[in-house]
């Protein structure tokens, strides 16, 4: 009888140790899984924010392009007009070329 009781106590100890180790392993998996999913969520949130359209920026660039590439009256009475930047640079270079050649 006593022998059986000794083996049962030993078996209970093994089962207890197994439960403690299993609980520890589950805890580690839970913490690692939580960290993984949190990192994934943060990365997805970061990617979504980066890929979101920048409406204000796009509107600003559109208005800048209209100003830089378009013709418009600045003051009609004085005859002042707005011309595209590239055309203004061409005219300045042409004037500079005439001045350099002495015309």
N, C-alpha and C. Protein backbone atom coordinates (compact mmCIF):
# COMPACT_ATOMS: atom_id res chain seq x y z
N UNK A 1 0.80 -1.17 0.00
CA UNK A 1 0.00 0.00 0.00
C UNK A 1 0.86 1.27 0.00
N UNK A 2 1.88 1.18 0.81
CA UNK A 2 2.74 2.32 0.94
C UNK A 2 3.51 2.60 -0.36
N UNK A 3 3.85 1.57 -1.07
CA UNK A 3 4.54 1.74 -2.34
C UNK A 3 3.65 2.46 -3.35
N UNK A 4 2.41 2.06 -3.39
CA UNK A 4 1.50 2.70 -4.33
C UNK A 4 1.33 4.17 -3.99
N UNK A 5 1.23 4.48 -2.72
CA UNK A 5 1.05 5.87 -2.31
C UNK A 5 2.28 6.70 -2.70
N UNK A 6 3.46 6.14 -2.61
CA UNK A 6 4.69 6.83 -3.00
C UNK A 6 4.73 7.11 -4.48
N UNK A 7 4.30 6.15 -5.29
CA UNK A 7 4.26 6.36 -6.73
C UNK A 7 3.20 7.39 -7.11
N UNK A 8 2.09 7.37 -6.37
CA UNK A 8 1.02 8.32 -6.67
C UNK A 8 1.47 9.75 -6.34
N UNK A 9 2.19 9.90 -5.27
CA UNK A 9 2.72 11.22 -4.90
C UNK A 9 3.72 11.70 -5.93
N UNK A 10 4.54 10.77 -6.40
CA UNK A 10 5.51 11.11 -7.42
C UNK A 10 4.79 11.50 -8.72
N UNK A 11 3.74 10.74 -9.04
CA UNK A 11 2.97 11.01 -10.26
C UNK A 11 2.27 12.37 -10.14
N UNK A 12 1.75 12.67 -8.98
CA UNK A 12 1.12 13.98 -8.77
C UNK A 12 2.13 15.11 -8.92
N UNK A 13 3.35 14.87 -8.46
CA UNK A 13 4.40 15.87 -8.61
C UNK A 13 4.74 16.11 -10.07
N UNK A 14 4.80 15.02 -10.85
CA UNK A 14 5.10 15.13 -12.29
C UNK A 14 3.97 15.87 -12.99
N UNK A 15 2.74 15.52 -12.63
CA UNK A 15 1.58 16.18 -13.24
C UNK A 15 1.59 17.67 -12.87
N UNK A 16 1.89 17.98 -11.62
CA UNK A 16 1.96 19.37 -11.19
C UNK A 16 3.04 20.14 -11.95
N UNK A 17 4.21 19.52 -12.09
CA UNK A 17 5.30 20.14 -12.84
C UNK A 17 4.90 20.34 -14.29
N UNK A 18 4.23 19.34 -14.87
CA UNK A 18 3.75 19.44 -16.25
C UNK A 18 2.76 20.60 -16.39
N UNK A 19 1.86 20.75 -15.44
CA UNK A 19 0.89 21.84 -15.48
C UNK A 19 1.57 23.21 -15.36
N UNK A 20 2.56 23.30 -14.48
CA UNK A 20 3.28 24.56 -14.31
C UNK A 20 4.03 24.92 -15.59
N UNK A 21 4.73 23.95 -16.16
CA UNK A 21 5.47 24.19 -17.41
C UNK A 21 4.50 24.53 -18.53
N UNK A 22 3.39 23.81 -18.64
CA UNK A 22 2.40 24.09 -19.69
C UNK A 22 1.82 25.49 -19.52
N UNK A 23 1.54 25.87 -18.29
CA UNK A 23 1.03 27.22 -18.03
C UNK A 23 2.04 28.27 -18.42
N UNK A 24 3.32 28.03 -18.10
CA UNK A 24 4.36 28.97 -18.48
C UNK A 24 4.49 29.09 -19.99
N UNK A 25 4.45 27.94 -20.68
CA UNK A 25 4.54 27.94 -22.15
C UNK A 25 3.35 28.69 -22.75
N UNK A 26 2.15 28.47 -22.23
CA UNK A 26 0.97 29.19 -22.71
C UNK A 26 1.10 30.69 -22.48
N UNK A 27 1.63 31.06 -21.33
CA UNK A 27 1.83 32.47 -21.03
C UNK A 27 2.82 33.10 -22.02
N UNK A 28 3.91 32.39 -22.30
CA UNK A 28 4.90 32.90 -23.25
C UNK A 28 4.27 33.04 -24.64
N UNK A 29 3.50 32.03 -25.07
CA UNK A 29 2.84 32.12 -26.38
C UNK A 29 1.83 33.27 -26.41
N UNK A 30 1.11 33.47 -25.33
CA UNK A 30 0.15 34.56 -25.26
C UNK A 30 0.85 35.91 -25.38
N UNK A 31 1.93 36.10 -24.64
CA UNK A 31 2.66 37.36 -24.67
C UNK A 31 3.28 37.58 -26.04
N UNK A 32 3.90 36.53 -26.61
CA UNK A 32 4.52 36.66 -27.93
C UNK A 32 3.46 36.93 -29.00
N UNK A 33 2.33 36.23 -28.93
CA UNK A 33 1.26 36.45 -29.90
C UNK A 33 0.70 37.85 -29.80
N UNK A 34 0.51 38.33 -28.59
CA UNK A 34 0.02 39.68 -28.39
C UNK A 34 1.00 40.70 -28.96
N UNK A 35 2.28 40.52 -28.70
CA UNK A 35 3.29 41.43 -29.23
C UNK A 35 3.30 41.40 -30.75
N UNK A 36 3.18 40.21 -31.33
CA UNK A 36 3.18 40.08 -32.79
C UNK A 36 1.98 40.81 -33.40
N UNK A 37 0.80 40.57 -32.85
CA UNK A 37 -0.39 41.19 -33.41
C UNK A 37 -0.41 42.70 -33.17
N UNK A 38 0.12 43.14 -32.06
CA UNK A 38 0.20 44.58 -31.81
C UNK A 38 1.15 45.23 -32.80
N UNK A 39 2.30 44.59 -33.05
CA UNK A 39 3.25 45.11 -34.04
C UNK A 39 2.62 45.12 -35.42
N UNK A 40 1.91 44.08 -35.77
CA UNK A 40 1.24 44.02 -37.07
C UNK A 40 0.20 45.12 -37.18
N UNK A 41 -0.57 45.35 -36.11
CA UNK A 41 -1.59 46.39 -36.14
C UNK A 41 -0.95 47.77 -36.31
N UNK A 42 0.14 48.02 -35.60
CA UNK A 42 0.83 49.30 -35.71
C UNK A 42 1.38 49.48 -37.12
N UNK A 43 1.98 48.43 -37.68
CA UNK A 43 2.52 48.52 -39.04
C UNK A 43 1.42 48.78 -40.06
N UNK A 44 0.28 48.10 -39.91
CA UNK A 44 -0.83 48.31 -40.84
C UNK A 44 -1.37 49.73 -40.72
N UNK A 45 -1.48 50.22 -39.49
CA UNK A 45 -1.95 51.58 -39.27
C UNK A 45 -0.98 52.57 -39.90
N UNK A 46 0.31 52.33 -39.74
CA UNK A 46 1.34 53.20 -40.33
C UNK A 46 1.24 53.20 -41.85
N UNK A 47 1.07 52.01 -42.46
CA UNK A 47 0.95 51.92 -43.91
C UNK A 47 -0.31 52.62 -44.41
N UNK A 48 -1.41 52.47 -43.67
CA UNK A 48 -2.65 53.13 -44.07
C UNK A 48 -2.51 54.64 -44.02
N UNK A 49 -1.84 55.12 -43.01
CA UNK A 49 -1.64 56.57 -42.92
C UNK A 49 -0.75 57.09 -44.04
N UNK A 50 0.27 56.31 -44.41
CA UNK A 50 1.16 56.74 -45.48
C UNK A 50 0.50 56.66 -46.84
N UNK A 51 -0.39 55.70 -47.03
CA UNK A 51 -1.01 55.54 -48.33
C UNK A 51 -2.27 56.38 -48.50
N UNK A 52 -2.71 57.04 -47.42
CA UNK A 52 -3.91 57.87 -47.51
C UNK A 52 -3.65 59.06 -48.43
N UNK A 53 -4.64 59.44 -49.20
CA UNK A 53 -4.43 60.58 -50.11
C UNK A 53 -4.28 61.87 -49.31
N UNK A 54 -3.39 62.69 -49.77
CA UNK A 54 -3.16 63.97 -49.14
C UNK A 54 -3.94 65.01 -49.94
N UNK A 55 -5.19 65.17 -49.60
CA UNK A 55 -6.08 66.04 -50.36
C UNK A 55 -5.59 67.48 -50.31
N UNK A 56 -5.21 67.96 -49.14
CA UNK A 56 -4.76 69.34 -49.02
C UNK A 56 -3.50 69.58 -49.84
N UNK A 57 -2.57 68.63 -49.80
CA UNK A 57 -1.34 68.78 -50.57
C UNK A 57 -1.63 68.79 -52.06
N UNK A 58 -2.50 67.89 -52.49
CA UNK A 58 -2.83 67.81 -53.91
C UNK A 58 -3.55 69.07 -54.38
N UNK A 59 -4.44 69.61 -53.54
CA UNK A 59 -5.12 70.85 -53.90
C UNK A 59 -4.14 72.01 -53.98
N UNK A 60 -3.19 72.05 -53.04
CA UNK A 60 -2.18 73.10 -53.05
C UNK A 60 -1.34 73.01 -54.32
N UNK A 61 -0.91 71.82 -54.70
CA UNK A 61 -0.12 71.66 -55.92
C UNK A 61 -0.91 72.05 -57.16
N UNK A 62 -2.19 71.74 -57.17
CA UNK A 62 -3.03 72.11 -58.30
C UNK A 62 -3.10 73.64 -58.41
N UNK A 63 -3.32 74.32 -57.27
CA UNK A 63 -3.36 75.79 -57.29
C UNK A 63 -2.01 76.38 -57.69
N UNK A 64 -0.92 75.78 -57.20
CA UNK A 64 0.42 76.25 -57.58
C UNK A 64 0.64 76.09 -59.08
N UNK A 65 0.23 74.96 -59.63
CA UNK A 65 0.40 74.73 -61.07
C UNK A 65 -0.40 75.73 -61.89
N UNK A 66 -1.59 76.07 -61.42
CA UNK A 66 -2.39 77.07 -62.13
C UNK A 66 -1.66 78.40 -62.13
N UNK A 67 -1.09 78.76 -60.99
CA UNK A 67 -0.36 80.03 -60.88
C UNK A 67 0.92 79.99 -61.69
N UNK A 68 1.67 78.88 -61.60
CA UNK A 68 2.97 78.81 -62.26
C UNK A 68 2.87 78.58 -63.76
N UNK A 69 1.84 77.88 -64.21
CA UNK A 69 1.76 77.50 -65.62
C UNK A 69 0.66 78.22 -66.39
N UNK A 70 -0.02 79.15 -65.75
CA UNK A 70 -1.16 79.76 -66.42
C UNK A 70 -0.97 81.23 -66.71
N UNK A 71 -1.84 81.71 -67.58
CA UNK A 71 -1.91 83.13 -67.92
C UNK A 71 -3.11 83.72 -67.18
N UNK A 72 -2.93 84.93 -66.65
CA UNK A 72 -4.04 85.59 -65.97
C UNK A 72 -3.74 87.09 -65.89
N UNK A 73 -4.80 87.85 -65.77
CA UNK A 73 -4.63 89.28 -65.57
C UNK A 73 -4.29 89.55 -64.11
N UNK A 74 -3.24 90.34 -63.90
CA UNK A 74 -2.91 90.81 -62.57
C UNK A 74 -3.63 92.13 -62.35
N UNK A 75 -3.49 93.04 -63.31
CA UNK A 75 -4.19 94.33 -63.30
C UNK A 75 -4.48 94.69 -64.75
N UNK A 76 -5.74 94.55 -65.13
CA UNK A 76 -6.14 94.76 -66.53
C UNK A 76 -5.96 96.22 -66.93
N UNK A 77 -6.24 97.16 -66.02
CA UNK A 77 -6.12 98.58 -66.34
C UNK A 77 -4.67 98.98 -66.62
N UNK A 78 -3.75 98.38 -65.87
CA UNK A 78 -2.33 98.70 -66.06
C UNK A 78 -1.69 97.83 -67.12
N UNK A 79 -2.42 96.81 -67.59
CA UNK A 79 -1.87 95.92 -68.61
C UNK A 79 -0.89 94.90 -68.05
N UNK A 80 -1.01 94.59 -66.76
CA UNK A 80 -0.13 93.61 -66.14
C UNK A 80 -0.78 92.23 -66.22
N UNK A 81 0.01 91.28 -66.74
CA UNK A 81 -0.48 89.91 -66.86
C UNK A 81 0.47 88.96 -66.15
N UNK A 82 -0.08 87.86 -65.78
CA UNK A 82 0.72 86.78 -65.20
C UNK A 82 0.98 85.79 -66.31
N UNK A 83 2.25 85.40 -66.46
CA UNK A 83 2.61 84.43 -67.50
C UNK A 83 3.27 83.23 -66.84
N UNK A 84 3.32 82.09 -67.51
CA UNK A 84 3.98 80.92 -66.93
C UNK A 84 5.44 81.21 -66.62
N UNK A 85 5.93 80.58 -65.59
CA UNK A 85 7.31 80.78 -65.14
C UNK A 85 8.30 80.42 -66.25
N UNK A 86 8.06 79.33 -66.94
CA UNK A 86 9.01 78.93 -68.00
C UNK A 86 9.06 79.98 -69.11
N UNK A 87 7.91 80.56 -69.44
CA UNK A 87 7.89 81.60 -70.48
C UNK A 87 8.60 82.84 -69.97
N UNK A 88 8.41 83.19 -68.70
CA UNK A 88 9.09 84.35 -68.12
C UNK A 88 10.61 84.15 -68.15
N UNK A 89 11.05 82.93 -67.85
CA UNK A 89 12.50 82.67 -67.89
C UNK A 89 13.03 82.80 -69.32
N UNK A 90 12.27 82.34 -70.30
CA UNK A 90 12.69 82.48 -71.70
C UNK A 90 12.82 83.94 -72.07
N UNK A 91 11.86 84.78 -71.67
CA UNK A 91 11.91 86.20 -71.98
C UNK A 91 13.08 86.89 -71.29
N UNK A 92 13.35 86.52 -70.05
CA UNK A 92 14.48 87.11 -69.32
C UNK A 92 15.78 86.73 -69.99
N UNK A 93 15.92 85.46 -70.38
CA UNK A 93 17.14 85.03 -71.06
C UNK A 93 17.30 85.72 -72.41
N UNK A 94 16.20 85.90 -73.11
CA UNK A 94 16.26 86.60 -74.40
C UNK A 94 16.71 88.04 -74.19
N UNK A 95 16.16 88.71 -73.18
CA UNK A 95 16.58 90.08 -72.86
C UNK A 95 18.03 90.13 -72.45
N UNK A 96 18.47 89.15 -71.66
CA UNK A 96 19.85 89.09 -71.22
C UNK A 96 20.78 88.86 -72.43
N UNK A 97 20.36 88.01 -73.34
CA UNK A 97 21.15 87.76 -74.54
C UNK A 97 21.29 89.00 -75.40
N UNK A 98 20.19 89.76 -75.53
CA UNK A 98 20.25 91.02 -76.31
C UNK A 98 21.17 92.01 -75.65
N UNK A 99 21.09 92.10 -74.31
CA UNK A 99 21.92 93.06 -73.58
C UNK A 99 23.39 92.66 -73.65
N UNK A 100 23.66 91.37 -73.63
CA UNK A 100 25.05 90.89 -73.68
C UNK A 100 25.64 91.12 -75.06
N UNK A 101 24.84 91.01 -76.10
CA UNK A 101 25.37 91.18 -77.46
C UNK A 101 25.40 92.65 -77.87
N UNK A 102 24.79 93.52 -77.06
CA UNK A 102 24.85 94.95 -77.33
C UNK A 102 23.72 95.45 -78.21
N UNK A 103 22.66 94.73 -78.35
CA UNK A 103 21.54 95.19 -79.19
C UNK A 103 20.66 96.12 -78.45
